[in-house]
Amino acid sequence: SGSISSPYSMGWYRQAPGKQRELVATI
């Protein structure tokens, strides 16, 4: 929500305890 006037991508990342954040999926 909020002001989003330009094209944008959305995605999901995940992070398990003690691990680095990783990409799951983007669109």
mmCIF file of all heavy atoms, coordinates in Angstrom:
data_MODEL
# 
_entry.id   MODEL 
# 
loop_
_atom_site.group_PDB 
_atom_site.id 
_atom_site.type_symbol 
_atom_site.label_atom_id 
_atom_site.label_alt_id 
_atom_site.label_comp_id 
_atom_site.label_asym_id 
_atom_site.label_entity_id 
_atom_site.label_seq_id 
_atom_site.pdbx_PDB_ins_code 
_atom_site.Cartn_x 
_atom_site.Cartn_y 
_atom_site.Cartn_z 
_atom_site.occupancy 
_atom_site.B_iso_or_equiv 
_atom_site.pdbx_formal_charge 
_atom_site.auth_seq_id 
_atom_site.auth_comp_id 
_atom_site.auth_asym_id 
_atom_site.auth_atom_id 
_atom_site.pdbx_PDB_model_num 
ATOM 1   N N   . SER A 1 1  ? 0.837  -1.189  0.000   1.00 0.00 ? 1  SER A N   1 
ATOM 2   C CA  . SER A 1 1  ? 0.000  0.000   0.000   1.00 0.00 ? 1  SER A CA  1 
ATOM 3   C C   . SER A 1 1  ? 0.873  1.240   0.000   1.00 0.00 ? 1  SER A C   1 
ATOM 4   O O   . SER A 1 1  ? 2.063  1.185   0.291   1.00 0.00 ? 1  SER A O   1 
ATOM 5   C CB  . SER A 1 1  ? -0.947 0.007   1.199   1.00 0.00 ? 1  SER A CB  1 
ATOM 6   O OG  . SER A 1 1  ? -0.223 0.026   2.419   1.00 0.00 ? 1  SER A OG  1 
ATOM 7   N N   . GLY A 1 2  ? 0.260  2.338   -0.318  1.00 0.00 ? 2  GLY A N   1 
ATOM 8   C CA  . GLY A 1 2  ? 0.988  3.577   -0.422  1.00 0.00 ? 2  GLY A CA  1 
ATOM 9   C C   . GLY A 1 2  ? 1.121  4.005   -1.866  1.00 0.00 ? 2  GLY A C   1 
ATOM 10  O O   . GLY A 1 2  ? 0.406  3.519   -2.743  1.00 0.00 ? 2  GLY A O   1 
ATOM 11  N N   . SER A 1 3  ? 2.044  4.875   -2.100  1.00 0.00 ? 3  SER A N   1 
ATOM 12  C CA  . SER A 1 3  ? 2.235  5.427   -3.427  1.00 0.00 ? 3  SER A CA  1 
ATOM 13  C C   . SER A 1 3  ? 3.178  4.545   -4.241  1.00 0.00 ? 3  SER A C   1 
ATOM 14  O O   . SER A 1 3  ? 4.372  4.466   -3.957  1.00 0.00 ? 3  SER A O   1 
ATOM 15  C CB  . SER A 1 3  ? 2.788  6.846   -3.338  1.00 0.00 ? 3  SER A CB  1 
ATOM 16  O OG  . SER A 1 3  ? 2.966  7.405   -4.618  1.00 0.00 ? 3  SER A OG  1 
ATOM 17  N N   . ILE A 1 4  ? 2.617  3.886   -5.230  1.00 0.00 ? 4  ILE A N   1 
ATOM 18  C CA  . ILE A 1 4  ? 3.405  3.064   -6.148  1.00 0.00 ? 4  ILE A CA  1 
ATOM 19  C C   . ILE A 1 4  ? 3.003  3.465   -7.563  1.00 0.00 ? 4  ILE A C   1 
ATOM 20  O O   . ILE A 1 4  ? 2.056  2.914   -8.130  1.00 0.00 ? 4  ILE A O   1 
ATOM 21  C CB  . ILE A 1 4  ? 3.182  1.563   -5.930  1.00 0.00 ? 4  ILE A CB  1 
ATOM 22  C CG1 . ILE A 1 4  ? 3.328  1.189   -4.465  1.00 0.00 ? 4  ILE A CG1 1 
ATOM 23  C CG2 . ILE A 1 4  ? 4.162  0.765   -6.785  1.00 0.00 ? 4  ILE A CG2 1 
ATOM 24  C CD1 . ILE A 1 4  ? 3.050  -0.263  -4.175  1.00 0.00 ? 4  ILE A CD1 1 
ATOM 25  N N   . SER A 1 5  ? 3.706  4.387   -8.123  1.00 0.00 ? 5  SER A N   1 
ATOM 26  C CA  . SER A 1 5  ? 3.333  4.937   -9.417  1.00 0.00 ? 5  SER A CA  1 
ATOM 27  C C   . SER A 1 5  ? 4.154  4.393   -10.577 1.00 0.00 ? 5  SER A C   1 
ATOM 28  O O   . SER A 1 5  ? 3.769  4.551   -11.733 1.00 0.00 ? 5  SER A O   1 
ATOM 29  C CB  . SER A 1 5  ? 3.444  6.462   -9.396  1.00 0.00 ? 5  SER A CB  1 
ATOM 30  O OG  . SER A 1 5  ? 4.760  6.877   -9.096  1.00 0.00 ? 5  SER A OG  1 
ATOM 31  N N   . SER A 1 6  ? 5.270  3.765   -10.292 1.00 0.00 ? 6  SER A N   1 
ATOM 32  C CA  . SER A 1 6  ? 6.125  3.226   -11.334 1.00 0.00 ? 6  SER A CA  1 
ATOM 33  C C   . SER A 1 6  ? 6.011  1.715   -11.383 1.00 0.00 ? 6  SER A C   1 
ATOM 34  O O   . SER A 1 6  ? 5.564  1.095   -10.415 1.00 0.00 ? 6  SER A O   1 
ATOM 35  C CB  . SER A 1 6  ? 7.575  3.651   -11.106 1.00 0.00 ? 6  SER A CB  1 
ATOM 36  O OG  . SER A 1 6  ? 8.045  3.184   -9.857  1.00 0.00 ? 6  SER A OG  1 
ATOM 37  N N   . PRO A 1 7  ? 6.401  1.114   -12.483 1.00 0.00 ? 7  PRO A N   1 
ATOM 38  C CA  . PRO A 1 7  ? 6.380  -0.356  -12.539 1.00 0.00 ? 7  PRO A CA  1 
ATOM 39  C C   . PRO A 1 7  ? 7.208  -0.961  -11.412 1.00 0.00 ? 7  PRO A C   1 
ATOM 40  O O   . PRO A 1 7  ? 8.263  -0.429  -11.047 1.00 0.00 ? 7  PRO A O   1 
ATOM 41  C CB  . PRO A 1 7  ? 6.998  -0.659  -13.907 1.00 0.00 ? 7  PRO A CB  1 
ATOM 42  C CG  . PRO A 1 7  ? 6.717  0.557   -14.724 1.00 0.00 ? 7  PRO A CG  1 
ATOM 43  C CD  . PRO A 1 7  ? 6.839  1.698   -13.753 1.00 0.00 ? 7  PRO A CD  1 
ATOM 44  N N   . TYR A 1 8  ? 6.740  -2.051  -10.882 1.00 0.00 ? 8  TYR A N   1 
ATOM 45  C CA  . TYR A 1 8  ? 7.438  -2.668  -9.773  1.00 0.00 ? 8  TYR A CA  1 
ATOM 46  C C   . TYR A 1 8  ? 7.322  -4.178  -9.830  1.00 0.00 ? 8  TYR A C   1 
ATOM 47  O O   . TYR A 1 8  ? 6.353  -4.724  -10.354 1.00 0.00 ? 8  TYR A O   1 
ATOM 48  C CB  . TYR A 1 8  ? 6.893  -2.154  -8.436  1.00 0.00 ? 8  TYR A CB  1 
ATOM 49  C CG  . TYR A 1 8  ? 5.417  -2.426  -8.216  1.00 0.00 ? 8  TYR A CG  1 
ATOM 50  C CD1 . TYR A 1 8  ? 4.996  -3.557  -7.530  1.00 0.00 ? 8  TYR A CD1 1 
ATOM 51  C CD2 . TYR A 1 8  ? 4.449  -1.542  -8.685  1.00 0.00 ? 8  TYR A CD2 1 
ATOM 52  C CE1 . TYR A 1 8  ? 3.647  -3.808  -7.328  1.00 0.00 ? 8  TYR A CE1 1 
ATOM 53  C CE2 . TYR A 1 8  ? 3.099  -1.785  -8.488  1.00 0.00 ? 8  TYR A CE2 1 
ATOM 54  C CZ  . TYR A 1 8  ? 2.705  -2.918  -7.811  1.00 0.00 ? 8  TYR A CZ  1 
ATOM 55  O OH  . TYR A 1 8  ? 1.359  -3.157  -7.608  1.00 0.00 ? 8  TYR A OH  1 
ATOM 56  N N   . SER A 1 9  ? 8.312  -4.813  -9.293  1.00 0.00 ? 9  SER A N   1 
ATOM 57  C CA  . SER A 1 9  ? 8.290  -6.248  -9.140  1.00 0.00 ? 9  SER A CA  1 
ATOM 58  C C   . SER A 1 9  ? 7.946  -6.590  -7.700  1.00 0.00 ? 9  SER A C   1 
ATOM 59  O O   . SER A 1 9  ? 8.115  -5.778  -6.788  1.00 0.00 ? 9  SER A O   1 
ATOM 60  C CB  . SER A 1 9  ? 9.639  -6.864  -9.518  1.00 0.00 ? 9  SER A CB  1 
ATOM 61  O OG  . SER A 1 9  ? 10.660 -6.424  -8.640  1.00 0.00 ? 9  SER A OG  1 
ATOM 62  N N   . MET A 1 10 ? 7.467  -7.795  -7.508  1.00 0.00 ? 10 MET A N   1 
ATOM 63  C CA  . MET A 1 10 ? 7.165  -8.273  -6.174  1.00 0.00 ? 10 MET A CA  1 
ATOM 64  C C   . MET A 1 10 ? 7.759  -9.662  -6.033  1.00 0.00 ? 10 MET A C   1 
ATOM 65  O O   . MET A 1 10 ? 7.890  -10.397 -7.009  1.00 0.00 ? 10 MET A O   1 
ATOM 66  C CB  . MET A 1 10 ? 5.657  -8.307  -5.916  1.00 0.00 ? 10 MET A CB  1 
ATOM 67  C CG  . MET A 1 10 ? 4.964  -6.970  -6.134  1.00 0.00 ? 10 MET A CG  1 
ATOM 68  S SD  . MET A 1 10 ? 3.201  -6.978  -5.686  1.00 0.00 ? 10 MET A SD  1 
ATOM 69  C CE  . MET A 1 10 ? 3.327  -6.874  -3.889  1.00 0.00 ? 10 MET A CE  1 
ATOM 70  N N   . GLY A 1 11 ? 8.112  -9.993  -4.824  1.00 0.00 ? 11 GLY A N   1 
ATOM 71  C CA  . GLY A 1 11 ? 8.720  -11.292 -4.642  1.00 0.00 ? 11 GLY A CA  1 
ATOM 72  C C   . GLY A 1 11 ? 8.734  -11.743 -3.207  1.00 0.00 ? 11 GLY A C   1 
ATOM 73  O O   . GLY A 1 11 ? 8.323  -11.020 -2.296  1.00 0.00 ? 11 GLY A O   1 
ATOM 74  N N   . TRP A 1 12 ? 9.193  -12.960 -3.051  1.00 0.00 ? 12 TRP A N   1 
ATOM 75  C CA  . TRP A 1 12 ? 9.296  -13.576 -1.744  1.00 0.00 ? 12 TRP A CA  1 
ATOM 76  C C   . TRP A 1 12 ? 10.716 -14.039 -1.495  1.00 0.00 ? 12 TRP A C   1 
ATOM 77  O O   . TRP A 1 12 ? 11.353 -14.644 -2.373  1.00 0.00 ? 12 TRP A O   1 
ATOM 78  C CB  . TRP A 1 12 ? 8.348  -14.776 -1.626  1.00 0.00 ? 12 TRP A CB  1 
ATOM 79  C CG  . TRP A 1 12 ? 6.905  -14.400 -1.650  1.00 0.00 ? 12 TRP A CG  1 
ATOM 80  C CD1 . TRP A 1 12 ? 6.080  -14.354 -2.732  1.00 0.00 ? 12 TRP A CD1 1 
ATOM 81  C CD2 . TRP A 1 12 ? 6.117  -14.011 -0.522  1.00 0.00 ? 12 TRP A CD2 1 
ATOM 82  N NE1 . TRP A 1 12 ? 4.819  -13.966 -2.353  1.00 0.00 ? 12 TRP A NE1 1 
ATOM 83  C CE2 . TRP A 1 12 ? 4.814  -13.747 -1.007  1.00 0.00 ? 12 TRP A CE2 1 
ATOM 84  C CE3 . TRP A 1 12 ? 6.378  -13.863 0.834   1.00 0.00 ? 12 TRP A CE3 1 
ATOM 85  C CZ2 . TRP A 1 12 ? 3.776  -13.340 -0.163  1.00 0.00 ? 12 TRP A CZ2 1 
ATOM 86  C CZ3 . TRP A 1 12 ? 5.350  -13.452 1.669   1.00 0.00 ? 12 TRP A CZ3 1 
ATOM 87  C CH2 . TRP A 1 12 ? 4.073  -13.202 1.172   1.00 0.00 ? 12 TRP A CH2 1 
ATOM 88  N N   . TYR A 1 13 ? 11.190 -13.747 -0.323  1.00 0.00 ? 13 TYR A N   1 
ATOM 89  C CA  . TYR A 1 13 ? 12.473 -14.215 0.160   1.00 0.00 ? 13 TYR A CA  1 
ATOM 90  C C   . TYR A 1 13 ? 12.245 -14.905 1.491   1.00 0.00 ? 13 TYR A C   1 
ATOM 91  O O   . TYR A 1 13 ? 11.229 -14.681 2.148   1.00 0.00 ? 13 TYR A O   1 
ATOM 92  C CB  . TYR A 1 13 ? 13.457 -13.052 0.324   1.00 0.00 ? 13 TYR A CB  1 
ATOM 93  C CG  . TYR A 1 13 ? 13.835 -12.378 -0.977  1.00 0.00 ? 13 TYR A CG  1 
ATOM 94  C CD1 . TYR A 1 13 ? 12.933 -11.555 -1.640  1.00 0.00 ? 13 TYR A CD1 1 
ATOM 95  C CD2 . TYR A 1 13 ? 15.099 -12.567 -1.531  1.00 0.00 ? 13 TYR A CD2 1 
ATOM 96  C CE1 . TYR A 1 13 ? 13.275 -10.936 -2.833  1.00 0.00 ? 13 TYR A CE1 1 
ATOM 97  C CE2 . TYR A 1 13 ? 15.454 -11.949 -2.718  1.00 0.00 ? 13 TYR A CE2 1 
ATOM 98  C CZ  . TYR A 1 13 ? 14.538 -11.139 -3.361  1.00 0.00 ? 13 TYR A CZ  1 
ATOM 99  O OH  . TYR A 1 13 ? 14.898 -10.525 -4.548  1.00 0.00 ? 13 TYR A OH  1 
ATOM 100 N N   . ARG A 1 14 ? 13.180 -15.735 1.883   1.00 0.00 ? 14 ARG A N   1 
ATOM 101 C CA  . ARG A 1 14 ? 13.034 -16.411 3.164   1.00 0.00 ? 14 ARG A CA  1 
ATOM 102 C C   . ARG A 1 14 ? 14.375 -16.509 3.865   1.00 0.00 ? 14 ARG A C   1 
ATOM 103 O O   . ARG A 1 14 ? 15.434 -16.501 3.236   1.00 0.00 ? 14 ARG A O   1 
ATOM 104 C CB  . ARG A 1 14 ? 12.422 -17.800 2.985   1.00 0.00 ? 14 ARG A CB  1 
ATOM 105 C CG  . ARG A 1 14 ? 13.303 -18.793 2.238   1.00 0.00 ? 14 ARG A CG  1 
ATOM 106 C CD  . ARG A 1 14 ? 12.541 -20.079 1.981   1.00 0.00 ? 14 ARG A CD  1 
ATOM 107 N NE  . ARG A 1 14 ? 13.357 -21.078 1.308   1.00 0.00 ? 14 ARG A NE  1 
ATOM 108 C CZ  . ARG A 1 14 ? 12.901 -22.235 0.857   1.00 0.00 ? 14 ARG A CZ  1 
ATOM 109 N NH1 . ARG A 1 14 ? 11.612 -22.551 0.996   1.00 0.00 ? 14 ARG A NH1 1 
ATOM 110 N NH2 . ARG A 1 14 ? 13.722 -23.091 0.261   1.00 0.00 ? 14 ARG A NH2 1 
ATOM 111 N N   . GLN A 1 15 ? 14.298 -16.615 5.163   1.00 0.00 ? 15 GLN A N   1 
ATOM 112 C CA  . GLN A 1 15 ? 15.499 -16.725 5.971   1.00 0.00 ? 15 GLN A CA  1 
ATOM 113 C C   . GLN A 1 15 ? 15.246 -17.662 7.138   1.00 0.00 ? 15 GLN A C   1 
ATOM 114 O O   . GLN A 1 15 ? 14.350 -17.431 7.949   1.00 0.00 ? 15 GLN A O   1 
ATOM 115 C CB  . GLN A 1 15 ? 15.944 -15.357 6.483   1.00 0.00 ? 15 GLN A CB  1 
ATOM 116 C CG  . GLN A 1 15 ? 17.274 -15.381 7.207   1.00 0.00 ? 15 GLN A CG  1 
ATOM 117 C CD  . GLN A 1 15 ? 17.825 -13.992 7.444   1.00 0.00 ? 15 GLN A CD  1 
ATOM 118 O OE1 . GLN A 1 15 ? 17.078 -13.012 7.481   1.00 0.00 ? 15 GLN A OE1 1 
ATOM 119 N NE2 . GLN A 1 15 ? 19.127 -13.898 7.587   1.00 0.00 ? 15 GLN A NE2 1 
ATOM 120 N N   . ALA A 1 16 ? 16.026 -18.705 7.194   1.00 0.00 ? 16 ALA A N   1 
ATOM 121 C CA  . ALA A 1 16 ? 15.976 -19.635 8.309   1.00 0.00 ? 16 ALA A CA  1 
ATOM 122 C C   . ALA A 1 16 ? 16.987 -19.201 9.358   1.00 0.00 ? 16 ALA A C   1 
ATOM 123 O O   . ALA A 1 16 ? 17.970 -18.526 9.043   1.00 0.00 ? 16 ALA A O   1 
ATOM 124 C CB  . ALA A 1 16 ? 16.279 -21.054 7.832   1.00 0.00 ? 16 ALA A CB  1 
ATOM 125 N N   . PRO A 1 17 ? 16.763 -19.578 10.612  1.00 0.00 ? 17 PRO A N   1 
ATOM 126 C CA  . PRO A 1 17 ? 17.710 -19.195 11.671  1.00 0.00 ? 17 PRO A CA  1 
ATOM 127 C C   . PRO A 1 17 ? 19.133 -19.627 11.343  1.00 0.00 ? 17 PRO A C   1 
ATOM 128 O O   . PRO A 1 17 ? 19.373 -20.770 10.958  1.00 0.00 ? 17 PRO A O   1 
ATOM 129 C CB  . PRO A 1 17 ? 17.175 -19.930 12.894  1.00 0.00 ? 17 PRO A CB  1 
ATOM 130 C CG  . PRO A 1 17 ? 15.714 -20.094 12.626  1.00 0.00 ? 17 PRO A CG  1 
ATOM 131 C CD  . PRO A 1 17 ? 15.624 -20.344 11.146  1.00 0.00 ? 17 PRO A CD  1 
ATOM 132 N N   . GLY A 1 18 ? 20.048 -18.705 11.477  1.00 0.00 ? 18 GLY A N   1 
ATOM 133 C CA  . GLY A 1 18 ? 21.443 -19.002 11.230  1.00 0.00 ? 18 GLY A CA  1 
ATOM 134 C C   . GLY A 1 18 ? 21.840 -19.086 9.779   1.00 0.00 ? 18 GLY A C   1 
ATOM 135 O O   . GLY A 1 18 ? 22.994 -19.411 9.477   1.00 0.00 ? 18 GLY A O   1 
ATOM 136 N N   . LYS A 1 19 ? 20.921 -18.808 8.885   1.00 0.00 ? 19 LYS A N   1 
ATOM 137 C CA  . LYS A 1 19 ? 21.204 -18.882 7.458   1.00 0.00 ? 19 LYS A CA  1 
ATOM 138 C C   . LYS A 1 19 ? 20.966 -17.530 6.799   1.00 0.00 ? 19 LYS A C   1 
ATOM 139 O O   . LYS A 1 19 ? 20.259 -16.677 7.328   1.00 0.00 ? 19 LYS A O   1 
ATOM 140 C CB  . LYS A 1 19 ? 20.346 -19.946 6.783   1.00 0.00 ? 19 LYS A CB  1 
ATOM 141 C CG  . LYS A 1 19 ? 20.560 -21.357 7.296   1.00 0.00 ? 19 LYS A CG  1 
ATOM 142 C CD  . LYS A 1 19 ? 19.770 -22.369 6.500   1.00 0.00 ? 19 LYS A CD  1 
ATOM 143 C CE  . LYS A 1 19 ? 20.265 -22.451 5.068   1.00 0.00 ? 19 LYS A CE  1 
ATOM 144 N NZ  . LYS A 1 19 ? 19.538 -23.496 4.281   1.00 0.00 ? 19 LYS A NZ  1 
ATOM 145 N N   . GLN A 1 20 ? 21.558 -17.368 5.651   1.00 0.00 ? 20 GLN A N   1 
ATOM 146 C CA  . GLN A 1 20 ? 21.371 -16.136 4.909   1.00 0.00 ? 20 GLN A CA  1 
ATOM 147 C C   . GLN A 1 20 ? 20.011 -16.113 4.232   1.00 0.00 ? 20 GLN A C   1 
ATOM 148 O O   . GLN A 1 20 ? 19.419 -17.161 3.941   1.00 0.00 ? 20 GLN A O   1 
ATOM 149 C CB  . GLN A 1 20 ? 22.474 -15.966 3.870   1.00 0.00 ? 20 GLN A CB  1 
ATOM 150 C CG  . GLN A 1 20 ? 22.504 -17.037 2.799   1.00 0.00 ? 20 GLN A CG  1 
ATOM 151 C CD  . GLN A 1 20 ? 23.634 -16.857 1.813   1.00 0.00 ? 20 GLN A CD  1 
ATOM 152 O OE1 . GLN A 1 20 ? 24.113 -15.749 1.603   1.00 0.00 ? 20 GLN A OE1 1 
ATOM 153 N NE2 . GLN A 1 20 ? 24.065 -17.941 1.193   1.00 0.00 ? 20 GLN A NE2 1 
ATOM 154 N N   . ARG A 1 21 ? 19.541 -14.925 3.984   1.00 0.00 ? 21 ARG A N   1 
ATOM 155 C CA  . ARG A 1 21 ? 18.287 -14.779 3.276   1.00 0.00 ? 21 ARG A CA  1 
ATOM 156 C C   . ARG A 1 21 ? 18.447 -15.219 1.830   1.00 0.00 ? 21 ARG A C   1 
ATOM 157 O O   . ARG A 1 21 ? 19.459 -14.928 1.191   1.00 0.00 ? 21 ARG A O   1 
ATOM 158 C CB  . ARG A 1 21 ? 17.825 -13.321 3.334   1.00 0.00 ? 21 ARG A CB  1 
ATOM 159 C CG  . ARG A 1 21 ? 16.456 -13.080 2.735   1.00 0.00 ? 21 ARG A CG  1 
ATOM 160 C CD  . ARG A 1 21 ? 16.043 -11.626 2.911   1.00 0.00 ? 21 ARG A CD  1 
ATOM 161 N NE  . ARG A 1 21 ? 16.935 -10.732 2.193   1.00 0.00 ? 21 ARG A NE  1 
ATOM 162 C CZ  . ARG A 1 21 ? 16.878 -9.408  2.263   1.00 0.00 ? 21 ARG A CZ  1 
ATOM 163 N NH1 . ARG A 1 21 ? 15.970 -8.823  3.038   1.00 0.00 ? 21 ARG A NH1 1 
ATOM 164 N NH2 . ARG A 1 21 ? 17.722 -8.663  1.574   1.00 0.00 ? 21 ARG A NH2 1 
ATOM 165 N N   . GLU A 1 22 ? 17.456 -15.904 1.314   1.00 0.00 ? 22 GLU A N   1 
ATOM 166 C CA  . GLU A 1 22 ? 17.522 -16.389 -0.046  1.00 0.00 ? 22 GLU A CA  1 
ATOM 167 C C   . GLU A 1 22 ? 16.252 -16.056 -0.808  1.00 0.00 ? 22 GLU A C   1 
ATOM 168 O O   . GLU A 1 22 ? 15.163 -15.952 -0.236  1.00 0.00 ? 22 GLU A O   1 
ATOM 169 C CB  . GLU A 1 22 ? 17.749 -17.902 -0.076  1.00 0.00 ? 22 GLU A CB  1 
ATOM 170 C CG  . GLU A 1 22 ? 16.616 -18.718 0.524   1.00 0.00 ? 22 GLU A CG  1 
ATOM 171 C CD  . GLU A 1 22 ? 16.837 -20.214 0.406   1.00 0.00 ? 22 GLU A CD  1 
ATOM 172 O OE1 . GLU A 1 22 ? 17.830 -20.618 -0.228  1.00 0.00 ? 22 GLU A OE1 1 
ATOM 173 O OE2 . GLU A 1 22 ? 16.015 -20.981 0.952   1.00 0.00 ? 22 GLU A OE2 1 
ATOM 174 N N   . LEU A 1 23 ? 16.411 -15.920 -2.086  1.00 0.00 ? 23 LEU A N   1 
ATOM 175 C CA  . LEU A 1 23 ? 15.276 -15.666 -2.955  1.00 0.00 ? 23 LEU A CA  1 
ATOM 176 C C   . LEU A 1 23 ? 14.432 -16.923 -3.080  1.00 0.00 ? 23 LEU A C   1 
ATOM 177 O O   . LEU A 1 23 ? 14.961 -18.026 -3.222  1.00 0.00 ? 23 LEU A O   1 
ATOM 178 C CB  . LEU A 1 23 ? 15.758 -15.214 -4.334  1.00 0.00 ? 23 LEU A CB  1 
ATOM 179 C CG  . LEU A 1 23 ? 14.692 -14.911 -5.394  1.00 0.00 ? 23 LEU A CG  1 
ATOM 180 C CD1 . LEU A 1 23 ? 15.180 -13.797 -6.307  1.00 0.00 ? 23 LEU A CD1 1 
ATOM 181 C CD2 . LEU A 1 23 ? 14.384 -16.153 -6.225  1.00 0.00 ? 23 LEU A CD2 1 
ATOM 182 N N   . VAL A 1 24 ? 13.134 -16.745 -3.037  1.00 0.00 ? 24 VAL A N   1 
ATOM 183 C CA  . VAL A 1 24 ? 12.200 -17.837 -3.269  1.00 0.00 ? 24 VAL A CA  1 
ATOM 184 C C   . VAL A 1 24 ? 11.581 -17.704 -4.652  1.00 0.00 ? 24 VAL A C   1 
ATOM 185 O O   . VAL A 1 24 ? 11.643 -18.622 -5.470  1.00 0.00 ? 24 VAL A O   1 
ATOM 186 C CB  . VAL A 1 24 ? 11.102 -17.875 -2.198  1.00 0.00 ? 24 VAL A CB  1 
ATOM 187 C CG1 . VAL A 1 24 ? 10.101 -18.985 -2.501  1.00 0.00 ? 24 VAL A CG1 1 
ATOM 188 C CG2 . VAL A 1 24 ? 11.704 -18.065 -0.811  1.00 0.00 ? 24 VAL A CG2 1 
ATOM 189 N N   . ALA A 1 25 ? 10.979 -16.565 -4.910  1.00 0.00 ? 25 ALA A N   1 
ATOM 190 C CA  . ALA A 1 25 ? 10.348 -16.327 -6.198  1.00 0.00 ? 25 ALA A CA  1 
ATOM 191 C C   . ALA A 1 25 ? 10.105 -14.845 -6.378  1.00 0.00 ? 25 ALA A C   1 
ATOM 192 O O   . ALA A 1 25 ? 9.869  -14.123 -5.413  1.00 0.00 ? 25 ALA A O   1 
ATOM 193 C CB  . ALA A 1 25 ? 9.026  -17.089 -6.314  1.00 0.00 ? 25 ALA A CB  1 
ATOM 194 N N   . THR A 1 26 ? 10.175 -14.402 -7.607  1.00 0.00 ? 26 THR A N   1 
ATOM 195 C CA  . THR A 1 26 ? 9.854  -13.024 -7.933  1.00 0.00 ? 26 THR A CA  1 
ATOM 196 C C   . THR A 1 26 ? 8.959  -12.995 -9.158  1.00 0.00 ? 26 THR A C   1 
ATOM 197 O O   . THR A 1 26 ? 8.982  -13.905 -9.992  1.00 0.00 ? 26 THR A O   1 
ATOM 198 C CB  . THR A 1 26 ? 11.104 -12.175 -8.208  1.00 0.00 ? 26 THR A CB  1 
ATOM 199 O OG1 . THR A 1 26 ? 11.819 -12.711 -9.326  1.00 0.00 ? 26 THR A OG1 1 
ATOM 200 C CG2 . THR A 1 26 ? 12.021 -12.139 -6.994  1.00 0.00 ? 26 THR A CG2 1 
ATOM 201 N N   . ILE A 1 27 ? 8.193  -11.941 -9.255  1.00 0.00 ? 27 ILE A N   1 
ATOM 202 C CA  . ILE A 1 27 ? 7.344  -11.732 -10.418 1.00 0.00 ? 27 ILE A CA  1 
ATOM 203 C C   . ILE A 1 27 ? 7.434  -10.272 -10.804 1.00 0.00 ? 27 ILE A C   1 
ATOM 204 O O   . ILE A 1 27 ? 7.222  -9.378  -9.992  1.00 0.00 ? 27 ILE A O   1 
ATOM 205 C CB  . ILE A 1 27 ? 5.895  -12.181 -10.142 1.00 0.00 ? 27 ILE A CB  1 
ATOM 206 C CG1 . ILE A 1 27 ? 5.029  -11.998 -11.391 1.00 0.00 ? 27 ILE A CG1 1 
ATOM 207 C CG2 . ILE A 1 27 ? 5.303  -11.452 -8.940  1.00 0.00 ? 27 ILE A CG2 1 
ATOM 208 C CD1 . ILE A 1 27 ? 3.686  -12.729 -11.290 1.00 0.00 ? 27 ILE A CD1 1 
# 
